[in-house]
Amino acid sequence: MRNSLSPALRRRLAVAALAAVAITVAAFTLAGMAFHASGAASAATATGASDSAGQPAVAVQTVRVQRAVIAQPVRGYGIVATSASSLTTVNLPYVARIVQMRVQTGQRVTRGTPLLVVQADPATVLAATQAKSAVTLAQGELARTQSLFDKGLATQSQLAAARKANDDARQALAAQNQSGVASGNQVVAAPRDGVVLQVSVAQGDQVQAGAAILQLANDTEVTNTRPNVTLGVEPSDAATIHIGDTVTLHGLSASLAKAAIAGRVVLVGAAIDPQSQLVDIGAIVPTGQSAFIPGVHVSADIATRGGTHWIVPRAAVLKDEQGAYVFQTTPQNNARRVAVTIQVENGDRYGVEGQLDAAQGLVVSGNYELQDGMAVQTGGGAPR
């Protein structure tokens, strides 16, 4: 037997060894691919789990909400002391000449203050004198006729005529006395407290009976129901205004831009003014010694539909097909959608009704990004 292998046998052994190595390499390769596939699957599973955890919390700003009295303002424009019921016209029931003016426009007067001195027209004084003489004559004629009648020398008809003439003379004298006609200079005094709003005559003028001499406006301290401010409002707003509503006046001039004074409504017009096409609102405003003197043009905010509601900023209220709503933050830092009904609008605030919670923050910024139940993050974690 020979110790060395034949060449053919050596070739077969070499081929078998190479095949074994190839099989081993293939096995390791498949194992590595399986391991990588398993790792990729695990990574994908982890990523999917991370994505399913939900979106990040939305950053929001909140404020506290509370119930308080709020009203919806109606804007009106007008002038102080122009209501007809707040004016008193001073005139004379007889023809007279203005001897002296004692007051001027804008002057504040009290009851009994001398306004002017007048002198009745001579013809008017003569008529008053004749009325007195006529009474004296009629009384004498009645006494004489009564005496004759008692003696049977006058008829019943003559006595009746004498009585009628006496009555007529007395009535004519009473009318003259009521007019206050007298000879010489007469002082005309203010019938009440007020402010001289307009003077229609000048010293030396002769005025006719009943002609306006001057106008007195209600003084600033008003104690009755006569308005001293007249305002015009849009007809659509007039129905919401009621007697007793609060009125806040603001000056239209630059000097009164920051001035304000409050009063109340005492008259709501029931018709549209044909000239202004607005509804007149009468108000009593005790202007005192303020700059709101008669004749000042003003704007006014009339507080209507006043009541106690949840007061929320306008920015907090959103609207969709379901209506108005707001978001509050729960103790678990989730957004809670709350449906609300807007009752009152006042500038940048609403008065609303709904199931709000005073202990939860009201979202005023970031609410457009929210949906019910979403996670939120507030500054410091507490509403401000």
Protein backbone atom coordinates (compact mmCIF):
# COMPACT_ATOMS: atom_id res chain seq x y z
CA MET A 1 0.00 0.00 0.00
CA ARG A 2 1.20 3.39 -0.84
CA ASN A 3 1.18 6.25 1.86
CA SER A 4 0.43 9.06 -0.53
CA LEU A 5 -3.05 9.77 -1.88
CA SER A 6 -3.70 9.56 -5.49
CA PRO A 7 -4.12 12.85 -7.37
CA ALA A 8 -7.71 12.10 -8.17
CA LEU A 9 -8.49 11.52 -4.52
CA ARG A 10 -6.80 14.74 -3.49
CA ARG A 11 -8.91 16.70 -6.00
CA ARG A 12 -12.13 15.23 -4.62
CA LEU A 13 -11.15 16.10 -1.03
CA ALA A 14 -10.28 19.69 -1.99
CA VAL A 15 -13.65 20.18 -3.72
CA ALA A 16 -15.47 18.84 -0.66
CA ALA A 17 -13.57 21.21 1.64
CA LEU A 18 -14.39 24.21 -0.54
CA ALA A 19 -18.06 23.26 -0.55
CA ALA A 20 -18.07 23.03 3.25
CA VAL A 21 -16.53 26.50 3.56
CA ALA A 22 -19.07 27.95 1.16
CA ILE A 23 -21.94 26.42 3.12
CA THR A 24 -20.56 27.87 6.39
CA VAL A 25 -20.18 31.38 4.91
CA ALA A 26 -23.69 31.27 3.51
CA ALA A 27 -25.05 30.27 6.88
CA PHE A 28 -23.32 33.16 8.63
CA THR A 29 -24.53 35.59 5.97
CA LEU A 30 -28.15 34.51 6.35
CA ALA A 31 -27.86 34.79 10.12
CA GLY A 32 -26.53 38.37 9.83
CA MET A 33 -29.32 39.37 7.49
CA ALA A 34 -31.86 37.96 9.86
CA PHE A 35 -30.32 39.89 12.73
CA HIS A 36 -30.37 43.16 10.79
CA ALA A 37 -33.93 42.58 9.69
CA SER A 38 -34.92 41.93 13.27
CA GLY A 39 -33.21 45.16 14.40
CA ALA A 40 -34.90 47.16 11.67
CA ALA A 41 -38.26 45.73 12.64
CA SER A 42 -37.62 46.60 16.27
CA ALA A 43 -36.66 50.18 15.31
CA ALA A 44 -39.75 50.52 13.16
CA THR A 45 -41.90 49.23 16.01
CA ALA A 46 -40.29 51.73 18.43
CA THR A 47 -40.84 54.59 15.99
CA GLY A 48 -44.46 53.62 15.49
CA ALA A 49 -44.95 53.50 19.23
CA SER A 50 -43.42 56.94 19.54
CA ASP A 51 -45.73 58.34 16.84
CA SER A 52 -48.80 56.84 18.48
CA ALA A 53 -47.99 58.57 21.75
CA GLY A 54 -49.74 61.79 20.41
CA GLN A 55 -48.78 65.27 19.27
CA PRO A 56 -46.75 67.57 21.55
CA ALA A 57 -48.62 69.89 23.95
CA VAL A 58 -49.87 73.21 22.49
CA ALA A 59 -48.52 76.34 24.16
CA VAL A 60 -51.37 78.64 25.28
CA GLN A 61 -51.97 81.71 27.40
CA THR A 62 -54.86 81.87 29.83
CA VAL A 63 -56.71 84.31 32.02
CA ARG A 64 -59.08 83.85 34.93
CA VAL A 65 -62.78 84.14 34.27
CA GLN A 66 -65.40 85.52 36.63
CA ARG A 67 -69.04 86.63 36.74
CA ALA A 68 -69.72 90.36 37.03
CA VAL A 69 -72.11 93.08 35.86
CA ILE A 70 -71.61 94.11 32.25
CA ALA A 71 -73.70 96.24 29.88
CA GLN A 72 -73.74 96.82 26.14
CA PRO A 73 -73.10 100.49 25.27
CA VAL A 74 -75.11 102.34 22.63
CA ARG A 75 -73.42 105.41 21.20
CA GLY A 76 -75.36 108.66 20.79
CA TYR A 77 -74.51 112.25 19.92
CA GLY A 78 -76.14 115.47 21.04
CA ILE A 79 -75.82 118.73 22.89
CA VAL A 80 -76.25 119.80 26.51
CA ALA A 81 -79.48 121.64 27.39
CA THR A 82 -81.33 121.57 24.11
CA SER A 83 -84.45 119.66 25.07
CA ALA A 84 -87.53 121.84 24.63
CA SER A 85 -88.78 120.76 28.05
CA SER A 86 -85.57 122.01 29.67
CA LEU A 87 -85.85 125.56 28.29
CA THR A 88 -87.79 128.54 29.62
CA THR A 89 -88.50 131.40 27.25
CA VAL A 90 -88.74 134.84 28.85
CA ASN A 91 -91.14 137.20 27.08
CA LEU A 92 -93.65 139.97 27.84
CA PRO A 93 -97.40 139.92 27.29
CA TYR A 94 -97.33 143.54 26.10
CA VAL A 95 -95.35 145.77 23.76
CA ALA A 96 -92.32 147.24 25.51
CA ARG A 97 -88.91 148.80 24.96
CA ILE A 98 -85.73 147.26 26.40
CA VAL A 99 -84.25 149.91 28.66
CA GLN A 100 -81.37 147.85 30.05
CA MET A 101 -79.99 144.29 29.78
CA ARG A 102 -78.70 142.94 33.08
CA VAL A 103 -77.41 139.52 31.89
CA GLN A 104 -75.55 138.02 28.98
CA THR A 105 -75.35 134.67 27.22
CA GLY A 106 -73.80 131.91 29.31
CA GLN A 107 -74.45 133.62 32.65
CA ARG A 108 -75.80 131.46 35.47
CA VAL A 109 -78.69 133.04 37.38
CA THR A 110 -80.89 132.13 40.30
CA ARG A 111 -84.61 132.62 40.76
CA GLY A 112 -85.37 136.32 41.20
CA THR A 113 -82.16 137.60 39.56
CA PRO A 114 -82.90 140.79 37.51
CA LEU A 115 -82.66 139.93 33.82
CA LEU A 116 -83.63 143.22 32.16
CA VAL A 117 -85.42 146.52 32.63
CA VAL A 118 -88.31 147.37 30.32
CA GLN A 119 -90.65 150.23 29.73
CA ALA A 120 -94.16 149.49 28.50
CA ASP A 121 -95.31 151.12 25.29
CA PRO A 122 -97.29 154.34 26.00
CA ALA A 123 -100.30 152.97 24.13
CA THR A 124 -100.21 149.86 26.33
CA VAL A 125 -100.02 151.97 29.48
CA LEU A 126 -102.92 154.06 28.21
CA ALA A 127 -105.00 150.94 27.62
CA ALA A 128 -104.34 149.84 31.20
CA THR A 129 -105.33 153.26 32.52
CA GLN A 130 -108.48 153.23 30.44
CA ALA A 131 -109.36 149.78 31.79
CA LYS A 132 -109.26 151.17 35.34
CA SER A 133 -111.40 154.14 34.34
CA ALA A 134 -113.87 151.85 32.60
CA VAL A 135 -114.34 149.86 35.80
CA THR A 136 -115.00 153.01 37.80
CA LEU A 137 -117.51 154.19 35.22
CA ALA A 138 -119.25 150.82 34.99
CA GLN A 139 -119.57 150.56 38.76
CA GLY A 140 -121.16 154.03 38.94
CA GLU A 141 -123.54 153.26 36.10
CA LEU A 142 -124.60 149.98 37.74
CA ALA A 143 -125.29 151.73 41.05
CA ARG A 144 -127.36 154.45 39.33
CA THR A 145 -129.38 151.91 37.30
CA GLN A 146 -129.98 149.80 40.40
CA SER A 147 -131.34 152.88 42.21
CA LEU A 148 -133.66 153.73 39.34
CA PHE A 149 -134.84 150.14 39.15
CA ASP A 150 -135.63 150.14 42.85
CA LYS A 151 -137.79 153.24 42.27
CA GLY A 152 -139.52 151.70 39.29
CA LEU A 153 -137.82 154.13 36.90
CA ALA A 154 -135.61 151.55 35.09
CA THR A 155 -136.45 148.29 33.47
CA GLN A 156 -135.07 144.83 34.16
CA SER A 157 -133.33 144.92 30.78
CA GLN A 158 -131.52 148.17 31.62
CA LEU A 159 -130.32 146.76 34.93
CA ALA A 160 -129.03 143.58 33.20
CA ALA A 161 -127.13 145.69 30.64
CA ALA A 162 -125.51 147.73 33.42
CA ARG A 163 -124.42 144.57 35.23
CA LYS A 164 -122.91 143.15 32.03
CA ALA A 165 -121.00 146.35 31.34
CA ASN A 166 -119.60 146.25 34.87
CA ASP A 167 -118.52 142.61 34.49
CA ASP A 168 -116.84 143.32 31.15
CA ALA A 169 -114.94 146.24 32.58
CA ARG A 170 -113.72 144.17 35.52
CA GLN A 171 -112.51 141.35 33.23
CA ALA A 172 -110.66 143.83 31.02
CA LEU A 173 -108.94 145.33 34.06
CA ALA A 174 -108.03 141.89 35.37
CA ALA A 175 -106.41 141.07 32.06
CA GLN A 176 -104.40 144.29 32.17
CA ASN A 177 -103.35 143.61 35.75
CA GLN A 178 -102.30 140.06 34.85
CA SER A 179 -100.04 141.34 32.11
CA GLY A 180 -98.26 143.50 34.66
CA VAL A 181 -98.48 146.65 32.59
CA ALA A 182 -97.45 149.71 34.52
CA SER A 183 -96.03 153.08 33.72
CA GLY A 184 -92.33 153.73 34.18
CA ASN A 185 -89.47 151.21 34.25
CA GLN A 186 -90.17 147.63 35.27
CA VAL A 187 -87.61 144.95 36.25
CA VAL A 188 -88.07 141.47 34.76
CA ALA A 189 -86.63 138.76 37.06
CA ALA A 190 -85.59 135.18 36.39
CA PRO A 191 -88.52 132.79 36.95
CA ARG A 192 -86.16 129.99 38.12
CA ASP A 193 -82.55 128.94 38.40
CA GLY A 194 -80.82 128.42 35.10
CA VAL A 195 -78.26 129.49 32.55
CA VAL A 196 -78.88 132.19 29.97
CA LEU A 197 -78.70 130.15 26.79
CA GLN A 198 -79.70 132.77 24.24
CA VAL A 199 -80.46 136.50 24.20
CA SER A 200 -82.63 137.55 21.27
CA VAL A 201 -82.80 141.34 21.80
CA ALA A 202 -80.47 144.24 22.42
CA GLN A 203 -80.73 147.27 24.63
CA GLY A 204 -83.07 149.84 23.07
CA ASP A 205 -85.08 147.35 21.02
CA GLN A 206 -88.86 147.41 21.07
CA VAL A 207 -90.35 143.93 21.35
CA GLN A 208 -93.84 142.80 20.52
CA ALA A 209 -96.11 141.01 22.95
CA GLY A 210 -95.10 137.34 23.27
CA ALA A 211 -91.81 137.70 21.37
CA ALA A 212 -88.87 135.78 22.86
CA ILE A 213 -86.41 137.99 24.74
CA LEU A 214 -84.08 135.31 26.10
CA GLN A 215 -83.96 131.60 26.94
CA LEU A 216 -83.03 129.99 30.23
CA ALA A 217 -81.73 126.43 30.26
CA ASN A 218 -82.15 124.11 33.23
CA ASP A 219 -79.39 124.64 35.75
CA THR A 220 -76.95 121.81 36.25
CA GLU A 221 -78.57 120.54 39.44
CA VAL A 222 -81.75 118.98 38.09
CA THR A 223 -84.31 117.73 40.57
CA ASN A 224 -87.18 116.78 38.27
CA THR A 225 -87.74 114.66 35.18
CA ARG A 226 -86.99 117.33 32.59
CA PRO A 227 -83.89 116.33 30.58
CA ASN A 228 -81.01 118.75 30.18
CA VAL A 229 -79.27 116.69 27.50
CA THR A 230 -80.75 115.53 24.20
CA LEU A 231 -79.05 112.71 22.27
CA GLY A 232 -79.71 111.12 18.91
CA VAL A 233 -79.31 107.35 18.44
CA GLU A 234 -79.85 105.00 15.54
CA PRO A 235 -83.44 103.71 15.32
CA SER A 236 -82.18 100.11 15.48
CA ASP A 237 -80.57 100.84 18.86
CA ALA A 238 -83.45 102.79 20.38
CA ALA A 239 -85.46 99.67 21.27
CA THR A 240 -82.73 98.52 23.66
CA ILE A 241 -82.72 101.78 25.65
CA HIS A 242 -84.97 102.16 28.70
CA ILE A 243 -85.70 104.90 31.22
CA GLY A 244 -83.18 104.66 34.04
CA ASP A 245 -80.28 103.40 31.90
CA THR A 246 -76.94 104.99 32.78
CA VAL A 247 -75.57 107.65 30.41
CA THR A 248 -71.91 108.67 30.33
CA LEU A 249 -71.13 111.90 28.49
CA HIS A 250 -67.85 112.56 26.69
CA GLY A 251 -66.76 115.86 25.21
CA LEU A 252 -66.14 116.07 21.47
CA SER A 253 -63.66 118.92 21.71
CA ALA A 254 -59.96 118.33 22.32
CA SER A 255 -60.16 120.01 25.73
CA LEU A 256 -62.92 117.62 26.86
CA ALA A 257 -61.59 114.49 25.17
CA LYS A 258 -60.73 112.85 28.50
CA ALA A 259 -63.63 114.31 30.50
CA ALA A 260 -66.64 112.16 31.38
CA ILE A 261 -69.73 112.61 33.52
CA ALA A 262 -72.63 110.23 34.25
CA GLY A 263 -76.40 110.67 34.31
CA ARG A 264 -79.54 108.69 33.50
CA VAL A 265 -82.11 108.35 30.73
CA VAL A 266 -85.50 109.97 31.46
CA LEU A 267 -87.03 110.05 27.98
CA VAL A 268 -86.96 107.63 25.04
CA GLY A 269 -88.42 108.97 21.81
CA ALA A 270 -91.14 106.98 20.09
CA ALA A 271 -90.60 108.43 16.62
CA ILE A 272 -87.78 109.24 14.21
CA ASP A 273 -86.79 112.88 13.90
CA PRO A 274 -87.52 113.87 10.26
CA GLN A 275 -84.39 116.03 10.04
CA SER A 276 -81.74 113.90 11.74
CA GLN A 277 -83.37 110.51 10.99
CA LEU A 278 -82.44 109.53 14.55
CA VAL A 279 -84.46 108.81 17.69
CA ASP A 280 -84.19 111.44 20.43
CA ILE A 281 -83.11 110.32 23.90
CA GLY A 282 -83.50 112.72 26.85
CA ALA A 283 -81.15 112.45 29.81
CA ILE A 284 -80.58 114.18 33.12
CA VAL A 285 -76.88 114.75 33.75
CA PRO A 286 -75.91 116.79 36.86
CA THR A 287 -72.97 118.59 35.29
CA GLY A 288 -72.39 120.80 38.34
CA GLN A 289 -69.54 123.24 37.84
CA SER A 290 -67.98 121.05 35.14
CA ALA A 291 -67.01 122.08 31.64
CA PHE A 292 -70.21 120.52 30.24
CA ILE A 293 -72.01 123.84 30.04
CA PRO A 294 -75.16 124.38 27.95
CA GLY A 295 -74.41 124.32 24.27
CA VAL A 296 -71.50 121.84 24.49
CA HIS A 297 -71.60 119.09 21.85
CA VAL A 298 -71.11 115.65 23.34
CA SER A 299 -71.06 111.95 22.60
CA ALA A 300 -72.60 109.53 25.05
CA ASP A 301 -72.42 105.85 25.93
CA ILE A 302 -75.79 104.54 27.06
CA ALA A 303 -75.49 101.32 29.08
CA THR A 304 -78.15 98.89 27.83
CA ARG A 305 -78.97 95.22 28.47
CA GLY A 306 -77.05 95.30 31.73
CA GLY A 307 -76.77 92.06 33.69
CA THR A 308 -74.47 89.61 35.47
CA HIS A 309 -72.64 87.28 33.09
CA TRP A 310 -69.31 85.51 32.59
CA ILE A 311 -66.95 88.24 31.38
CA VAL A 312 -64.49 86.95 28.78
CA PRO A 313 -62.10 88.69 26.38
CA ARG A 314 -63.25 88.85 22.78
CA ALA A 315 -60.10 86.92 21.73
CA ALA A 316 -61.20 83.91 23.78
CA VAL A 317 -64.42 83.33 21.85
CA LEU A 318 -64.35 81.21 18.68
CA LYS A 319 -67.20 80.30 16.35
CA ASP A 320 -67.97 77.39 14.03
CA GLU A 321 -71.04 75.68 12.61
CA GLN A 322 -72.01 74.57 16.11
CA GLY A 323 -71.96 78.12 17.48
CA ALA A 324 -69.73 80.11 19.81
CA TYR A 325 -67.32 78.35 22.16
CA VAL A 326 -64.24 78.82 24.34
CA PHE A 327 -61.50 76.57 25.69
CA GLN A 328 -60.58 76.10 29.33
CA THR A 329 -57.63 74.19 30.74
CA THR A 330 -58.33 71.24 33.03
CA PRO A 331 -56.15 70.34 36.05
CA GLN A 332 -54.67 67.55 33.83
CA ASN A 333 -53.50 70.23 31.34
CA ASN A 334 -56.01 69.29 28.67
CA ALA A 335 -58.18 71.61 26.61
CA ARG A 336 -61.89 71.53 27.43
CA ARG A 337 -64.29 72.99 24.87
CA VAL A 338 -67.22 74.89 26.38
CA ALA A 339 -70.18 76.13 24.33
CA VAL A 340 -71.24 79.69 25.20
CA THR A 341 -74.00 82.11 24.29
CA ILE A 342 -73.03 85.74 23.78
CA GLN A 343 -75.40 87.99 25.74
CA VAL A 344 -73.61 91.37 25.76
CA GLU A 345 -70.82 92.99 23.75
CA ASN A 346 -68.78 95.73 25.37
CA GLY A 347 -65.65 96.81 23.53
CA ASP A 348 -63.07 93.99 23.70
CA ARG A 349 -65.18 92.00 26.18
CA TYR A 350 -68.17 89.71 25.94
CA GLY A 351 -70.76 88.84 28.55
CA VAL A 352 -71.54 85.16 27.95
CA GLU A 353 -73.46 82.28 29.49
CA GLY A 354 -72.21 78.68 29.52
CA GLN A 355 -70.82 75.88 31.69
CA LEU A 356 -67.63 77.73 32.59
CA ASP A 357 -65.52 76.91 35.63
CA ALA A 358 -63.99 79.83 37.52
CA ALA A 359 -61.20 77.56 38.79
CA GLN A 360 -59.98 76.72 35.27
CA GLY A 361 -57.97 79.01 33.04
CA LEU A 362 -59.62 80.52 29.97
CA VAL A 363 -57.49 80.23 26.83
CA VAL A 364 -56.99 83.56 25.07
CA SER A 365 -53.96 82.76 22.89
CA GLY A 366 -53.26 79.56 21.00
CA ASN A 367 -56.92 78.54 21.05
CA TYR A 368 -57.12 78.37 17.23
CA GLU A 369 -54.83 75.33 17.33
CA LEU A 370 -56.83 73.45 19.95
CA GLN A 371 -59.29 70.63 19.80
CA ASP A 372 -61.26 69.20 22.67
CA GLY A 373 -59.03 67.04 24.87
CA MET A 374 -55.69 68.15 23.43
CA ALA A 375 -52.73 68.54 25.76
CA VAL A 376 -51.83 72.16 26.57
CA GLN A 377 -48.92 73.90 28.17
CA THR A 378 -49.39 77.21 29.95
CA GLY A 379 -46.78 79.62 31.20
CA GLY A 380 -45.99 78.49 34.73
CA GLY A 381 -48.79 75.95 34.53
CA ALA A 382 -51.35 78.33 36.10
CA PRO A 383 -53.77 80.80 34.56
CA ARG A 384 -52.94 84.43 34.91
